[in-house]
Each structure stands twice: as structure tokens, then as C-alpha cells.
């Protein structure tokens, strides 16, 4: 069974799409692995598999711009705070024991960077990423709070194109918090201002934010 989240026939010229999604149901873990292998890594689409449900997302401009700018925001915070980082990007995160797999927009090892530095991550033995970021501007069929909580990801950011929600894992479930546990000195307003400034001049926005972070 296939369902499209956004029906292309309903798009008007004024409608701005951030993602196109296609959902498949009743897909076995073995079939998903075959699909993953057949598609390869050189593709723009991103896959997420949740116990029989496969969602394929094709990110468009609004999505990709937000994801890349949030990534820049995080890297500036890490560098200017003298932290360490291992950037995983949209690496496929397979958990065959859970029958769950994801290719998030951004994922990072920060607190646990020393445990995975210089190695290829294996989630069967290594800890999950410390921070995962997803940009979901259009509807997704996957309950990502349950999904990433089951993987044990300590911190999850979710941006819908206007609002950032930050979740911290507590007792195997996410609790929404106002400030990032990783960057407690930063507020959401700083991200909103950074994204707004980037619409005018990305280079100047980076310089200004970097200078501000150095002063705090």
C-alpha cells in the first residue's frame, strides 16, 4: 500500500513545499534492507523505517536550507565553546534489534565524541548520537519522539519551519524543554535570529553570531 503525504495535483503556484513524502506500509525489515542497498548512498532522498512502515522523503529548498543553517548554528556553538564533535550528517542509523532505521537531517556525537572518534559507528556496540536534528515542515507518518526515544538518543531537536522544539530523554521518553542540555547558555530566540539574519546575508550572520558566542 502506498500513500503520498502531499498530493501534487493539489499544489497551487502559491504553495511552497518543503518536502515530498511517500509512505509504504507492511514492509519487512529484510525488504527494507534490500531497498536500502538497491538505492545506494548517492541520492537526495532520505529513508526512515519504523517497524513495517517505510517513509521516503525528498527534501526541497526550504527544508535543506533550514537543515544546513541549523547545522552551521550548532557547529559555531561547538567550536566557540571549545567542545568536540563527530558529525554524522544523514548517516543511516540501523537498529535491527528494534527494526528501526533512520537517516536524520543532522546527527552528532558531542558528549560521547571520545567513544567514537576515528571509528565507523556501530550502534550494536556504540552509544547512539548525542543530538539529532530533524526538519519536518510537512506532515510525517512516523512518530519521531517514540522512534528516537527507543534508540536512546539523549537530545532531539525538531524544527517545523517556524518553531524549534527541544526534547530531552528522561526515563526512556522525551520531555520538552526550553533550553538545550548541550548548549544551556543558548535560547531558541538566538536560533530564530540567526535564521532570520541568514535570509539577508549568511556570511555576515555567521560572523555576527560567532562574535556573540565568543563573548558569552
Protein backbone atom coordinates (compact mmCIF):
# COMPACT_ATOMS: atom_id res chain seq x y z
CA UNK A 1 0.00 0.00 0.00
CA UNK A 2 1.41 3.40 -0.95
CA UNK A 3 0.17 6.78 0.20
CA UNK A 4 1.53 10.19 -0.72
CA UNK A 5 1.51 12.72 2.08
CA UNK A 6 1.30 15.64 -0.34
CA UNK A 7 -0.87 15.23 -3.43
CA UNK A 8 0.88 17.01 -6.27
CA UNK A 9 -2.43 17.64 -8.02
CA UNK A 10 -3.47 19.92 -5.15
CA UNK A 11 -0.46 22.20 -5.36
CA UNK A 12 -1.13 25.75 -6.43
CA UNK A 13 1.58 28.11 -7.71
CA UNK A 14 1.50 29.94 -4.36
CA UNK A 15 2.07 26.73 -2.37
CA UNK A 16 5.63 26.23 -1.14
CA UNK A 17 6.60 22.63 -0.49
CA UNK A 18 9.45 21.86 1.89
CA UNK A 19 9.38 18.08 1.46
CA UNK A 20 7.72 15.46 -0.67
CA UNK A 21 7.00 12.18 1.11
CA UNK A 22 5.90 8.73 0.05
CA UNK A 23 4.89 6.10 2.61
CA UNK A 24 4.91 2.30 2.23
CA UNK A 25 3.24 0.02 4.74
CA UNK A 26 3.78 -3.65 5.58
CA UNK A 27 7.44 -3.66 4.50
CA UNK A 28 9.53 -6.31 6.23
CA UNK A 29 12.91 -5.46 7.75
CA UNK A 30 14.58 -7.72 5.20
CA UNK A 31 12.82 -5.98 2.30
CA UNK A 32 13.76 -2.60 3.71
CA UNK A 33 17.42 -3.60 3.83
CA UNK A 34 17.18 -4.71 0.20
CA UNK A 35 15.62 -1.37 -0.78
CA UNK A 36 18.32 0.49 1.12
CA UNK A 37 21.06 -1.44 -0.64
CA UNK A 38 19.47 -1.00 -4.06
CA UNK A 39 19.12 2.76 -3.65
CA UNK A 40 22.71 3.20 -2.51
CA UNK A 41 24.12 6.26 -0.78
CA UNK A 42 24.37 8.70 -3.69
CA UNK A 43 20.83 10.07 -3.53
CA UNK A 44 18.95 13.10 -2.28
CA UNK A 45 16.08 11.13 -0.72
CA UNK A 46 16.14 10.08 2.94
CA UNK A 47 14.60 6.96 4.40
CA UNK A 48 13.14 6.20 7.78
CA UNK A 49 11.81 2.74 8.68
CA UNK A 50 9.65 2.10 11.71
CA UNK A 51 8.59 -1.50 12.30
CA UNK A 52 6.96 -2.09 8.92
CA UNK A 53 6.40 1.49 7.79
CA UNK A 54 8.86 2.98 5.31
CA UNK A 55 8.77 6.71 4.62
CA UNK A 56 10.86 8.18 1.82
CA UNK A 57 11.40 11.93 1.96
CA UNK A 58 12.66 14.13 -0.85
CA UNK A 59 13.78 17.38 0.81
CA UNK A 60 13.25 20.58 -1.16
CA UNK A 61 14.77 24.04 -0.82
CA UNK A 62 13.07 25.27 2.36
CA UNK A 63 13.87 22.01 4.15
CA UNK A 64 17.50 21.82 3.04
CA UNK A 65 18.19 25.47 3.77
CA UNK A 66 16.86 25.16 7.33
CA UNK A 67 18.75 21.91 7.96
CA UNK A 68 22.08 23.29 6.72
CA UNK A 69 21.75 26.57 8.62
CA UNK A 70 20.86 24.77 11.87
CA UNK A 71 23.93 22.61 11.29
CA UNK A 72 26.05 25.75 10.93
CA UNK A 73 24.48 27.17 14.10
CA UNK A 74 25.42 24.04 16.05
CA UNK A 75 28.98 23.94 14.67
CA UNK A 76 29.57 27.55 15.67
CA UNK A 77 28.39 26.75 19.21
CA UNK A 78 30.65 23.69 19.40
CA UNK A 79 33.74 25.45 18.05
CA UNK A 80 33.39 28.61 20.10
CA UNK A 81 32.55 26.63 23.26
CA UNK A 82 35.70 24.51 22.83
CA UNK A 83 33.71 21.29 22.63
CA UNK A 84 34.47 18.24 20.49
CA UNK A 85 32.20 16.85 17.78
CA UNK A 86 31.81 13.96 15.38
CA UNK A 87 29.37 14.94 12.64
CA UNK A 88 27.31 12.08 11.22
CA UNK A 89 25.06 14.05 8.85
CA UNK A 90 22.34 11.80 7.41
CA UNK A 91 24.20 8.56 8.08
CA UNK A 92 21.87 5.55 8.13
CA UNK A 93 21.26 4.59 11.75
CA UNK A 94 20.28 0.92 11.74
CA UNK A 95 18.87 -0.85 14.79
CA UNK A 96 17.88 -4.29 13.62
CA UNK A 97 17.00 -5.32 17.19
CA UNK A 98 14.31 -2.61 17.18
CA UNK A 99 13.50 -2.95 13.47
CA UNK A 100 14.02 0.78 13.16
CA UNK A 101 16.31 2.75 10.89
CA UNK A 102 16.69 6.46 10.15
CA UNK A 103 18.60 8.93 8.03
CA UNK A 104 18.11 12.13 10.05
CA UNK A 105 18.84 15.59 8.74
CA UNK A 106 21.71 16.10 11.19
CA UNK A 107 23.17 13.97 13.95
CA UNK A 108 26.17 14.47 16.18
CA UNK A 109 28.34 12.95 18.84
CA UNK A 110 29.40 15.67 21.27
CA UNK A 111 29.47 14.36 24.84
CA UNK A 112 30.31 10.86 23.57
CA UNK A 113 32.68 12.01 20.84
CA UNK A 114 35.70 10.40 22.57
CA UNK A 115 33.97 6.99 22.39
CA UNK A 116 33.52 7.07 18.60
CA UNK A 117 36.33 9.30 17.35
CA UNK A 118 38.28 7.79 14.47
CA UNK A 119 35.98 4.79 14.04
CA UNK A 120 32.98 3.72 12.00
CA UNK A 121 30.00 3.79 14.32
CA UNK A 122 28.23 0.51 15.04
CA UNK A 123 25.05 1.08 17.05
CA UNK A 124 25.14 -2.53 18.22
CA UNK A 125 28.11 -1.63 20.42
CA UNK A 126 28.45 2.16 20.33
CA UNK A 127 26.18 4.70 22.05
CA UNK A 128 23.58 6.50 19.94
CA UNK A 129 24.28 10.04 18.73
CA UNK A 130 24.03 12.66 21.47
CA UNK A 131 21.96 15.07 19.38
CA UNK A 132 19.69 14.52 16.39
CA UNK A 133 18.02 17.31 14.42
CA UNK A 134 15.04 16.82 12.14
CA UNK A 135 13.34 19.40 9.94
CA UNK A 136 9.71 18.36 9.47
CA UNK A 137 7.75 21.12 7.79
CA UNK A 138 5.18 18.87 6.15
CA UNK A 139 3.34 16.01 7.84
CA UNK A 140 5.18 12.77 8.58
CA UNK A 141 3.54 9.45 9.43
CA UNK A 142 6.40 8.47 11.75
CA UNK A 143 6.13 9.25 15.47
CA UNK A 144 9.68 10.51 15.78
CA UNK A 145 9.52 11.12 19.52
CA UNK A 146 8.80 7.45 20.15
CA UNK A 147 11.22 6.48 17.40
CA UNK A 148 14.33 8.28 18.64
CA UNK A 149 13.50 7.68 22.30
CA UNK A 150 13.55 3.94 21.60
CA UNK A 151 17.06 4.38 20.16
CA UNK A 152 18.17 6.13 23.35
CA UNK A 153 19.10 9.46 21.70
CA UNK A 154 19.60 11.87 24.64
CA UNK A 155 18.58 15.07 22.85
CA UNK A 156 16.29 15.66 19.88
CA UNK A 157 15.63 18.94 18.08
CA UNK A 158 12.63 19.26 15.78
CA UNK A 159 12.06 22.32 13.59
CA UNK A 160 8.83 22.86 11.66
CA UNK A 161 9.93 25.88 9.66
CA UNK A 162 8.87 28.34 12.35
CA UNK A 163 9.24 26.76 15.79
CA UNK A 164 12.09 24.76 17.30
CA UNK A 165 11.13 22.17 19.87
CA UNK A 166 13.83 20.65 22.06
CA UNK A 167 13.37 17.28 23.72
CA UNK A 168 15.46 15.66 26.43
CA UNK A 169 15.33 11.92 27.11
CA UNK A 170 14.19 11.19 30.65
CA UNK A 171 13.27 7.70 31.81
CA UNK A 172 13.03 6.37 28.24
CA UNK A 173 10.74 9.12 26.96
CA UNK A 174 11.15 12.66 25.72
CA UNK A 175 10.27 15.67 27.81
CA UNK A 176 10.07 19.00 26.02
CA UNK A 177 12.46 21.55 27.49
CA UNK A 178 13.07 25.22 26.77
CA UNK A 179 16.86 25.06 26.57
CA UNK A 180 19.24 22.55 25.07
CA UNK A 181 21.01 20.37 27.66
CA UNK A 182 24.07 20.50 25.39
CA UNK A 183 24.00 24.30 24.97
CA UNK A 184 22.23 25.61 28.09
CA UNK A 185 23.53 29.16 27.57
CA UNK A 186 21.63 29.49 24.27
CA UNK A 187 17.93 30.24 23.82
CA UNK A 188 15.68 29.40 20.89
CA UNK A 189 15.49 33.10 20.11
CA UNK A 190 19.18 33.05 19.16
CA UNK A 191 18.45 30.39 16.55
CA UNK A 192 15.44 32.27 15.22
CA UNK A 193 17.51 35.46 14.92
CA UNK A 194 20.34 33.58 13.22
CA UNK A 195 17.98 32.03 10.67
CA UNK A 196 16.39 35.42 10.02
CA UNK A 197 19.78 37.09 9.58
CA UNK A 198 20.83 34.36 7.16
CA UNK A 199 17.96 35.31 4.86
CA UNK A 200 19.74 38.61 4.30
CA UNK A 201 23.42 37.60 4.36
CA UNK A 202 24.63 34.18 5.51
CA UNK A 203 28.27 35.21 5.78
CA UNK A 204 27.56 38.25 7.93
CA UNK A 205 25.09 36.25 10.03
CA UNK A 206 27.78 33.67 10.75
CA UNK A 207 30.34 36.35 11.66
CA UNK A 208 27.93 38.15 13.95
CA UNK A 209 26.73 35.03 15.74
CA UNK A 210 30.26 33.70 16.13
CA UNK A 211 31.37 37.01 17.66
CA UNK A 212 28.38 36.97 20.03
CA UNK A 213 29.10 33.40 21.20
CA UNK A 214 32.73 34.32 21.94
CA UNK A 215 31.55 36.99 24.34
CA UNK A 216 29.22 34.90 26.48
